[in-house]
Amino acid sequence: MRTVPLSEQIVVVTGGARGLGRAITEAFHREGARVVIDHHRSTEAARALAEHLGERALAVQADVRDRTALDALMARAQEHFGAPVTTVVSNALPDFSFDGDARAKAPDIGYEAFAAQFAGTVQGTVNLVQAALPHFAAAGGGQVLTIGTNLFQNPVVPYHDYTAAKAALLSLTRTFSTDLGPMGVRVNMLSGGLLRTTDASSATPEAVFDAIAAGTPLGTVTTPEEFADAVLLLASPWARAITGQNLVVDGGLVKG
């Protein structure tokens, strides 16, 4: 299996313009990678970030639920950077707010909420990986990083639709790793808890953040920047023997 240093990687980050996605984009760029900032509606933010980062960044609009749009994104990336994509990060999040008081409860939640989360999370990841496979073949291998949650291990707040979609994504991560491993493609998940702070977690009261911090061995709530550093770890050659795994990045709140 060919392992590519971070500085030589061409990385697609879905939902890469805001929140955790922006932190991941900036982390790869900091290490010398060329980064494609996928966005759906955050066009202004994506263009501003690409302009700020300079020639090693490219903003491309694509809805991850649209396979044709992702095929076009991959082609645009190769044309712009002159080489195939080596790494994809499935980070795009369907519209969601981590507001425990306002969440849909079990007696009332409709399946349309689950369908929306599955479309963005599972369908989006399938589309992303399949669009990237010809690039991985040309590059001699590749890395897929999916973004999960510690809530399917410890559902302290029962966000039913979000958590179900992320649990399905963990299964997809593991089964895809089996099929794609012989092609030199590693597939891993990184799971966090609440991050302090993103757009999605902005509705979370400070008291909840403080309570989570008090319950972690490290005494803090993980930041997007800290989480992004762990993404780099699994994308790097140092993780070349790791695939099909779920790395929990939450300060030790959830073990295993």
C-alpha atoms as a PDB file:
ATOM      1  CA  MET A   1       0.000   0.000   0.000  1.00  0.00           C
ATOM      2  CA  ARG A   2       1.319   3.432  -0.956  1.00  0.00           C
ATOM      3  CA  THR A   3       1.303   5.884   1.928  1.00  0.00           C
ATOM      4  CA  VAL A   4       1.237   9.576   1.122  1.00  0.00           C
ATOM      5  CA  PRO A   5       2.636  12.228   3.489  1.00  0.00           C
ATOM      6  CA  LEU A   6       0.130  14.859   4.555  1.00  0.00           C
ATOM      7  CA  SER A   7       2.091  17.461   2.609  1.00  0.00           C
ATOM      8  CA  GLU A   8       1.477  15.534  -0.635  1.00  0.00           C
ATOM      9  CA  GLN A   9      -2.197  14.763  -0.137  1.00  0.00           C
ATOM     10  CA  ILE A  10      -5.098  16.257  -2.061  1.00  0.00           C
ATOM     11  CA  VAL A  11      -7.986  16.320   0.374  1.00  0.00           C
ATOM     12  CA  VAL A  12     -11.721  16.846  -0.111  1.00  0.00           C
ATOM     13  CA  VAL A  13     -13.524  18.019   3.036  1.00  0.00           C
ATOM     14  CA  THR A  14     -17.303  17.993   2.677  1.00  0.00           C
ATOM     15  CA  GLY A  15     -18.963  20.793   4.587  1.00  0.00           C
ATOM     16  CA  GLY A  16     -15.464  22.223   4.774  1.00  0.00           C
ATOM     17  CA  ALA A  17     -16.238  25.921   5.140  1.00  0.00           C
ATOM     18  CA  ARG A  18     -17.703  26.215   8.627  1.00  0.00           C
ATOM     19  CA  GLY A  19     -17.447  24.736  12.109  1.00  0.00           C
ATOM     20  CA  LEU A  20     -15.604  21.440  12.398  1.00  0.00           C
ATOM     21  CA  GLY A  21     -15.213  21.273   8.626  1.00  0.00           C
ATOM     22  CA  ARG A  22     -13.336  24.551   8.582  1.00  0.00           C
ATOM     23  CA  ALA A  23     -11.035  23.355  11.370  1.00  0.00           C
ATOM     24  CA  ILE A  24     -10.295  20.174   9.392  1.00  0.00           C
ATOM     25  CA  THR A  25      -9.653  22.167   6.213  1.00  0.00           C
ATOM     26  CA  GLU A  26      -7.261  24.486   8.027  1.00  0.00           C
ATOM     27  CA  ALA A  27      -5.462  21.595   9.739  1.00  0.00           C
ATOM     28  CA  PHE A  28      -4.706  19.797   6.471  1.00  0.00           C
ATOM     29  CA  HIS A  29      -3.654  23.052   4.839  1.00  0.00           C
ATOM     30  CA  ARG A  30      -1.340  23.832   7.756  1.00  0.00           C
ATOM     31  CA  GLU A  31       0.484  20.548   7.099  1.00  0.00           C
ATOM     32  CA  GLY A  32       1.015  21.379   3.433  1.00  0.00           C
ATOM     33  CA  ALA A  33      -1.888  19.493   1.851  1.00  0.00           C
ATOM     34  CA  ARG A  34      -3.943  20.821  -1.029  1.00  0.00           C
ATOM     35  CA  VAL A  35      -7.563  21.077   0.091  1.00  0.00           C
ATOM     36  CA  VAL A  36     -10.904  21.157  -1.707  1.00  0.00           C
ATOM     37  CA  ILE A  37     -13.525  22.962   0.369  1.00  0.00           C
ATOM     38  CA  ASP A  38     -16.838  21.359  -0.520  1.00  0.00           C
ATOM     39  CA  HIS A  39     -19.905  23.397   0.408  1.00  0.00           C
ATOM     40  CA  HIS A  40     -23.613  23.317  -0.270  1.00  0.00           C
ATOM     41  CA  ARG A  41     -25.073  26.654   0.828  1.00  0.00           C
ATOM     42  CA  SER A  42     -22.051  28.276   2.518  1.00  0.00           C
ATOM     43  CA  THR A  43     -20.707  29.718  -0.715  1.00  0.00           C
ATOM     44  CA  GLU A  44     -19.528  33.024   0.710  1.00  0.00           C
ATOM     45  CA  ALA A  45     -17.766  31.353   3.652  1.00  0.00           C
ATOM     46  CA  ALA A  46     -16.104  28.769   1.390  1.00  0.00           C
ATOM     47  CA  ARG A  47     -14.826  31.347  -1.081  1.00  0.00           C
ATOM     48  CA  ALA A  48     -13.529  33.565   1.709  1.00  0.00           C
ATOM     49  CA  LEU A  49     -11.701  30.639   3.310  1.00  0.00           C
ATOM     50  CA  ALA A  50     -10.161  29.556   0.001  1.00  0.00           C
ATOM     51  CA  GLU A  51      -8.995  33.113  -0.663  1.00  0.00           C
ATOM     52  CA  HIS A  52      -7.514  33.311   2.830  1.00  0.00           C
ATOM     53  CA  LEU A  53      -5.647  29.998   2.469  1.00  0.00           C
ATOM     54  CA  GLY A  54      -4.311  30.767  -0.965  1.00  0.00           C
ATOM     55  CA  GLU A  55      -3.294  28.633  -3.932  1.00  0.00           C
ATOM     56  CA  ARG A  56      -3.423  25.289  -2.096  1.00  0.00           C
ATOM     57  CA  ALA A  57      -7.163  25.666  -1.450  1.00  0.00           C
ATOM     58  CA  LEU A  58     -10.121  25.406  -3.820  1.00  0.00           C
ATOM     59  CA  ALA A  59     -13.795  26.029  -3.020  1.00  0.00           C
ATOM     60  CA  VAL A  60     -16.272  23.872  -4.978  1.00  0.00           C
ATOM     61  CA  GLN A  61     -20.041  23.765  -4.514  1.00  0.00           C
ATOM     62  CA  ALA A  62     -21.543  20.258  -4.415  1.00  0.00           C
ATOM     63  CA  ASP A  63     -24.468  18.721  -2.559  1.00  0.00           C
ATOM     64  CA  VAL A  64     -23.196  15.386  -1.229  1.00  0.00           C
ATOM     65  CA  ARG A  65     -26.600  13.838  -1.904  1.00  0.00           C
ATOM     66  CA  ASP A  66     -25.963  14.375  -5.627  1.00  0.00           C
ATOM     67  CA  ARG A  67     -23.503  11.832  -7.025  1.00  0.00           C
ATOM     68  CA  THR A  68     -23.137  13.723 -10.304  1.00  0.00           C
ATOM     69  CA  ALA A  69     -22.125  16.859  -8.418  1.00  0.00           C
ATOM     70  CA  LEU A  70     -19.448  14.949  -6.517  1.00  0.00           C
ATOM     71  CA  ASP A  71     -18.092  13.393  -9.700  1.00  0.00           C
ATOM     72  CA  ALA A  72     -17.765  16.915 -11.082  1.00  0.00           C
ATOM     73  CA  LEU A  73     -16.073  18.095  -7.883  1.00  0.00           C
ATOM     74  CA  MET A  74     -13.471  15.326  -8.120  1.00  0.00           C
ATOM     75  CA  ALA A  75     -12.782  16.155 -11.760  1.00  0.00           C
ATOM     76  CA  ARG A  76     -12.430  19.838 -10.904  1.00  0.00           C
ATOM     77  CA  ALA A  77      -9.997  19.020  -8.094  1.00  0.00           C
ATOM     78  CA  GLN A  78      -7.782  16.913 -10.363  1.00  0.00           C
ATOM     79  CA  GLU A  79      -7.836  19.535 -13.095  1.00  0.00           C
ATOM     80  CA  HIS A  80      -6.981  22.327 -10.659  1.00  0.00           C
ATOM     81  CA  PHE A  81      -4.229  20.551  -8.727  1.00  0.00           C
ATOM     82  CA  GLY A  82      -2.933  18.328 -11.520  1.00  0.00           C
ATOM     83  CA  ALA A  83      -3.183  15.080  -9.560  1.00  0.00           C
ATOM     84  CA  PRO A  84      -5.872  12.715  -8.249  1.00  0.00           C
ATOM     85  CA  VAL A  85      -7.604  13.131  -4.888  1.00  0.00           C
ATOM     86  CA  THR A  86      -5.965  11.004  -2.183  1.00  0.00           C
ATOM     87  CA  THR A  87      -8.139  11.668   0.868  1.00  0.00           C
ATOM     88  CA  VAL A  88     -11.803  12.406   1.539  1.00  0.00           C
ATOM     89  CA  VAL A  89     -13.377  13.539   4.798  1.00  0.00           C
ATOM     90  CA  SER A  90     -17.113  12.941   5.035  1.00  0.00           C
ATOM     91  CA  ASN A  91     -18.018  15.768   7.371  1.00  0.00           C
ATOM     92  CA  ALA A  92     -21.117  17.380   5.799  1.00  0.00           C
ATOM     93  CA  LEU A  93     -23.963  17.549   8.309  1.00  0.00           C
ATOM     94  CA  PRO A  94     -27.617  17.813   7.305  1.00  0.00           C
ATOM     95  CA  ASP A  95     -29.383  20.709   9.018  1.00  0.00           C
ATOM     96  CA  PHE A  96     -29.276  19.977  12.723  1.00  0.00           C
ATOM     97  CA  SER A  97     -29.092  21.820  16.026  1.00  0.00           C
ATOM     98  CA  PHE A  98     -27.903  20.252  19.267  1.00  0.00           C
ATOM     99  CA  ASP A  99     -30.657  21.725  21.418  1.00  0.00           C
ATOM    100  CA  GLY A 100     -31.791  19.101  23.890  1.00  0.00           C
ATOM    101  CA  ASP A 101     -34.854  21.037  24.973  1.00  0.00           C
ATOM    102  CA  ALA A 102     -36.113  21.510  21.416  1.00  0.00           C
ATOM    103  CA  ARG A 103     -35.267  18.044  20.086  1.00  0.00           C
ATOM    104  CA  ALA A 104     -37.995  15.808  18.659  1.00  0.00           C
ATOM    105  CA  LYS A 105     -39.093  13.265  21.261  1.00  0.00           C
ATOM    106  CA  ALA A 106     -39.727   9.558  20.649  1.00  0.00           C
ATOM    107  CA  PRO A 107     -43.551   9.773  20.677  1.00  0.00           C
ATOM    108  CA  ASP A 108     -43.573  12.524  18.064  1.00  0.00           C
ATOM    109  CA  ILE A 109     -40.592  12.229  15.734  1.00  0.00           C
ATOM    110  CA  GLY A 110     -41.518  11.323  12.161  1.00  0.00           C
ATOM    111  CA  TYR A 111     -39.496   9.137   9.841  1.00  0.00           C
ATOM    112  CA  GLU A 112     -38.897  12.086   7.531  1.00  0.00           C
ATOM    113  CA  ALA A 113     -36.414  13.370  10.130  1.00  0.00           C
ATOM    114  CA  PHE A 114     -34.511  10.079   9.952  1.00  0.00           C
ATOM    115  CA  ALA A 115     -34.644  10.078   6.151  1.00  0.00           C
ATOM    116  CA  ALA A 116     -33.116  13.558   6.005  1.00  0.00           C
ATOM    117  CA  GLN A 117     -30.252  12.551   8.267  1.00  0.00           C
ATOM    118  CA  PHE A 118     -29.654   9.278   6.417  1.00  0.00           C
ATOM    119  CA  ALA A 119     -29.606  11.079   3.065  1.00  0.00           C
ATOM    120  CA  GLY A 120     -26.946  13.547   4.142  1.00  0.00           C
ATOM    121  CA  THR A 121     -24.888  11.159   6.267  1.00  0.00           C
ATOM    122  CA  VAL A 122     -25.109   7.709   4.664  1.00  0.00           C
ATOM    123  CA  GLN A 123     -26.058   8.514   1.077  1.00  0.00           C
ATOM    124  CA  GLY A 124     -23.630  11.438   1.094  1.00  0.00           C
ATOM    125  CA  THR A 125     -20.762   9.242   2.250  1.00  0.00           C
ATOM    126  CA  VAL A 126     -21.528   6.490  -0.277  1.00  0.00           C
ATOM    127  CA  ASN A 127     -21.565   9.098  -3.048  1.00  0.00           C
ATOM    128  CA  LEU A 128     -18.334  10.676  -1.840  1.00  0.00           C
ATOM    129  CA  VAL A 129     -16.410   7.412  -1.592  1.00  0.00           C
ATOM    130  CA  GLN A 130     -17.632   6.055  -4.917  1.00  0.00           C
ATOM    131  CA  ALA A 131     -16.773   9.322  -6.667  1.00  0.00           C
ATOM    132  CA  ALA A 132     -13.279   9.178  -5.158  1.00  0.00           C
ATOM    133  CA  LEU A 133     -12.480   5.556  -6.048  1.00  0.00           C
ATOM    134  CA  PRO A 134     -11.097   6.230  -9.555  1.00  0.00           C
ATOM    135  CA  HIS A 135      -8.800   8.840  -8.004  1.00  0.00           C
ATOM    136  CA  PHE A 136      -7.654   6.423  -5.318  1.00  0.00           C
ATOM    137  CA  ALA A 137      -6.923   3.834  -7.996  1.00  0.00           C
ATOM    138  CA  ALA A 138      -4.829   6.346  -9.924  1.00  0.00           C
ATOM    139  CA  ALA A 139      -3.014   7.401  -6.741  1.00  0.00           C
ATOM    140  CA  GLY A 140      -2.278   3.821  -5.659  1.00  0.00           C
ATOM    141  CA  GLY A 141      -4.459   4.049  -2.547  1.00  0.00           C
ATOM    142  CA  GLY A 142      -6.436   6.483  -0.462  1.00  0.00           C
ATOM    143  CA  GLN A 143      -7.916   7.488   2.864  1.00  0.00           C
ATOM    144  CA  VAL A 144     -11.557   7.891   3.846  1.00  0.00           C
ATOM    145  CA  LEU A 145     -12.380   9.593   7.144  1.00  0.00           C
ATOM    146  CA  THR A 146     -15.961   9.650   8.382  1.00  0.00           C
ATOM    147  CA  ILE A 147     -17.244  11.772  11.255  1.00  0.00           C
ATOM    148  CA  GLY A 148     -19.323   9.979  13.882  1.00  0.00           C
ATOM    149  CA  THR A 149     -20.503  10.712  17.407  1.00  0.00           C
ATOM    150  CA  ASN A 150     -20.046   9.288  20.884  1.00  0.00           C
ATOM    151  CA  LEU A 151     -23.824   9.464  21.329  1.00  0.00           C
ATOM    152  CA  PHE A 152     -24.399   6.011  19.847  1.00  0.00           C
ATOM    153  CA  GLN A 153     -22.253   4.638  22.682  1.00  0.00           C
ATOM    154  CA  ASN A 154     -23.513   6.974  25.376  1.00  0.00           C
ATOM    155  CA  PRO A 155     -26.818   8.620  24.332  1.00  0.00           C
ATOM    156  CA  VAL A 156     -26.963  11.093  27.189  1.00  0.00           C
ATOM    157  CA  VAL A 157     -29.188  13.246  24.981  1.00  0.00           C
ATOM    158  CA  PRO A 158     -31.376  11.080  22.716  1.00  0.00           C
ATOM    159  CA  TYR A 159     -31.132  12.822  19.360  1.00  0.00           C
ATOM    160  CA  HIS A 160     -32.886   9.946  17.633  1.00  0.00           C
ATOM    161  CA  ASP A 161     -32.486  10.810  13.954  1.00  0.00           C
ATOM    162  CA  TYR A 162     -28.936  12.171  14.139  1.00  0.00           C
ATOM    163  CA  THR A 163     -27.646   9.301  16.270  1.00  0.00           C
ATOM    164  CA  ALA A 164     -29.283   6.593  14.149  1.00  0.00           C
ATOM    165  CA  ALA A 165     -27.683   8.003  10.990  1.00  0.00           C
ATOM    166  CA  LYS A 166     -24.252   8.186  12.608  1.00  0.00           C
ATOM    167  CA  ALA A 167     -24.584   4.602  13.908  1.00  0.00           C
ATOM    168  CA  ALA A 168     -25.358   3.472  10.368  1.00  0.00           C
ATOM    169  CA  LEU A 169     -22.320   5.409   9.180  1.00  0.00           C
ATOM    170  CA  LEU A 170     -20.128   3.472  11.615  1.00  0.00           C
ATOM    171  CA  SER A 171     -21.389   0.221  10.108  1.00  0.00           C
ATOM    172  CA  LEU A 172     -20.715   1.571   6.616  1.00  0.00           C
ATOM    173  CA  THR A 173     -17.206   2.604   7.683  1.00  0.00           C
ATOM    174  CA  ARG A 174     -16.451  -0.936   8.810  1.00  0.00           C
ATOM    175  CA  THR A 175     -17.985  -2.761   5.855  1.00  0.00           C
ATOM    176  CA  PHE A 176     -16.430  -0.413   3.289  1.00  0.00           C
ATOM    177  CA  SER A 177     -13.042  -0.903   4.949  1.00  0.00           C
ATOM    178  CA  THR A 178     -13.318  -4.637   4.248  1.00  0.00           C
ATOM    179  CA  ASP A 179     -14.212  -4.206   0.579  1.00  0.00           C
ATOM    180  CA  LEU A 180     -11.759  -1.392  -0.126  1.00  0.00           C
ATOM    181  CA  GLY A 181      -8.759  -2.583   1.858  1.00  0.00           C
ATOM    182  CA  PRO A 182      -7.443  -4.768  -0.996  1.00  0.00           C
ATOM    183  CA  MET A 183      -7.429  -1.598  -3.140  1.00  0.00           C
ATOM    184  CA  GLY A 184      -5.143   0.138  -0.658  1.00  0.00           C
ATOM    185  CA  VAL A 185      -7.946   2.314   0.706  1.00  0.00           C
ATOM    186  CA  ARG A 186      -8.230   2.832   4.457  1.00  0.00           C
ATOM    187  CA  VAL A 187     -11.621   3.771   5.939  1.00  0.00           C
ATOM    188  CA  ASN A 188     -11.872   5.042   9.513  1.00  0.00           C
ATOM    189  CA  MET A 189     -14.257   7.031  11.681  1.00  0.00           C
ATOM    190  CA  LEU A 190     -13.569   9.684  14.293  1.00  0.00           C
ATOM    191  CA  SER A 191     -16.291  10.323  16.859  1.00  0.00           C
ATOM    192  CA  GLY A 192     -16.599  13.288  19.161  1.00  0.00           C
ATOM    193  CA  GLY A 193     -19.129  14.583  21.582  1.00  0.00           C
ATOM    194  CA  LEU A 194     -20.235  18.184  21.731  1.00  0.00           C
ATOM    195  CA  LEU A 195     -17.531  20.455  20.388  1.00  0.00           C
ATOM    196  CA  ARG A 196     -16.885  23.828  21.956  1.00  0.00           C
ATOM    197  CA  THR A 197     -18.155  25.506  19.817  1.00  0.00           C
ATOM    198  CA  THR A 198     -19.617  25.088  16.309  1.00  0.00           C
ATOM    199  CA  ASP A 199     -22.757  26.362  14.602  1.00  0.00           C
ATOM    200  CA  ALA A 200     -24.489  23.083  15.396  1.00  0.00           C
ATOM    201  CA  SER A 201     -23.588  23.257  19.107  1.00  0.00           C
ATOM    202  CA  SER A 202     -24.221  26.989  19.503  1.00  0.00           C
ATOM    203  CA  ALA A 203     -27.670  26.322  20.977  1.00  0.00           C
ATOM    204  CA  THR A 204     -26.142  24.279  23.811  1.00  0.00           C
ATOM    205  CA  PRO A 205     -26.204  26.127  27.156  1.00  0.00           C
ATOM    206  CA  GLU A 206     -22.833  26.887  28.730  1.00  0.00           C
ATOM    207  CA  ALA A 207     -23.877  24.925  31.815  1.00  0.00           C
ATOM    208  CA  VAL A 208     -24.082  21.779  29.694  1.00  0.00           C
ATOM    209  CA  PHE A 209     -20.589  22.352  28.304  1.00  0.00           C
ATOM    210  CA  ASP A 210     -19.281  22.866  31.840  1.00  0.00           C
ATOM    211  CA  ALA A 211     -20.954  19.682  33.080  1.00  0.00           C
ATOM    212  CA  ILE A 212     -19.425  17.662  30.241  1.00  0.00           C
ATOM    213  CA  ALA A 213     -15.992  19.130  30.942  1.00  0.00           C
ATOM    214  CA  ALA A 214     -16.284  18.194  34.619  1.00  0.00           C
ATOM    215  CA  GLY A 215     -17.018  14.581  33.642  1.00  0.00           C
ATOM    216  CA  THR A 216     -14.021  14.082  31.364  1.00  0.00           C
ATOM    217  CA  PRO A 217     -10.614  12.877  32.567  1.00  0.00           C
ATOM    218  CA  LEU A 218      -8.973  15.828  30.809  1.00  0.00           C
ATOM    219  CA  GLY A 219     -11.417  18.291  32.360  1.00  0.00           C
ATOM    220  CA  THR A 220     -12.252  20.001  29.069  1.00  0.00           C
ATOM    221  CA  VAL A 221     -14.685  19.900  26.174  1.00  0.00           C
ATOM    222  CA  THR A 222     -12.942  19.054  22.911  1.00  0.00           C
ATOM    223  CA  THR A 223     -12.543  21.940  20.470  1.00  0.00           C
ATOM    224  CA  PRO A 224     -12.911  21.665  16.687  1.00  0.00           C
ATOM    225  CA  GLU A 225      -9.167  22.296  16.366  1.00  0.00           C
ATOM    226  CA  GLU A 226      -8.314  19.417  18.715  1.00  0.00           C
ATOM    227  CA  PHE A 227     -10.654  17.110  16.835  1.00  0.00           C
ATOM    228  CA  ALA A 228      -9.120  18.157  13.513  1.00  0.00           C
ATOM    229  CA  ASP A 229      -5.666  17.183  14.747  1.00  0.00           C
ATOM    230  CA  ALA A 230      -6.958  13.650  15.356  1.00  0.00           C
ATOM    231  CA  VAL A 231      -8.273  13.580  11.785  1.00  0.00           C
ATOM    232  CA  LEU A 232      -4.738  14.335  10.619  1.00  0.00           C
ATOM    233  CA  LEU A 233      -3.442  11.415  12.666  1.00  0.00           C
ATOM    234  CA  LEU A 234      -5.683   8.877  10.910  1.00  0.00           C
ATOM    235  CA  ALA A 235      -5.008  10.415   7.497  1.00  0.00           C
ATOM    236  CA  SER A 236      -1.244  10.268   7.975  1.00  0.00           C
ATOM    237  CA  PRO A 237       1.242   7.494   7.088  1.00  0.00           C
ATOM    238  CA  TRP A 238       1.598   6.790  10.821  1.00  0.00           C
ATOM    239  CA  ALA A 239      -1.869   5.221  10.664  1.00  0.00           C
ATOM    240  CA  ARG A 240      -1.071   3.085   7.623  1.00  0.00           C
ATOM    241  CA  ALA A 241      -2.026  -0.168   9.397  1.00  0.00           C
ATOM    242  CA  ILE A 242      -5.314   1.191  10.790  1.00  0.00           C
ATOM    243  CA  THR A 243      -8.633   0.682   9.017  1.00  0.00           C
ATOM    244  CA  GLY A 244     -12.243  -0.065   9.971  1.00  0.00           C
ATOM    245  CA  GLN A 245     -11.790   1.662  13.326  1.00  0.00           C
ATOM    246  CA  ASN A 246     -13.708   4.267  15.313  1.00  0.00           C
ATOM    247  CA  LEU A 247     -11.474   6.649  17.266  1.00  0.00           C
ATOM    248  CA  VAL A 248     -13.374   8.468  20.006  1.00  0.00           C
ATOM    249  CA  VAL A 249     -12.067  12.017  20.448  1.00  0.00           C
ATOM    250  CA  ASP A 250     -13.838  13.478  23.470  1.00  0.00           C
ATOM    251  CA  GLY A 251     -11.290  13.943  26.272  1.00  0.00           C
ATOM    252  CA  GLY A 252     -11.914  10.432  27.609  1.00  0.00           C
ATOM    253  CA  LEU A 253     -15.624  10.861  28.366  1.00  0.00           C
ATOM    254  CA  VAL A 254     -16.524   7.685  26.488  1.00  0.00           C
ATOM    255  CA  LYS A 255     -14.141   4.754  26.461  1.00  0.00           C
ATOM    256  CA  GLY A 256     -13.838   2.418  23.470  1.00  0.00           C
END
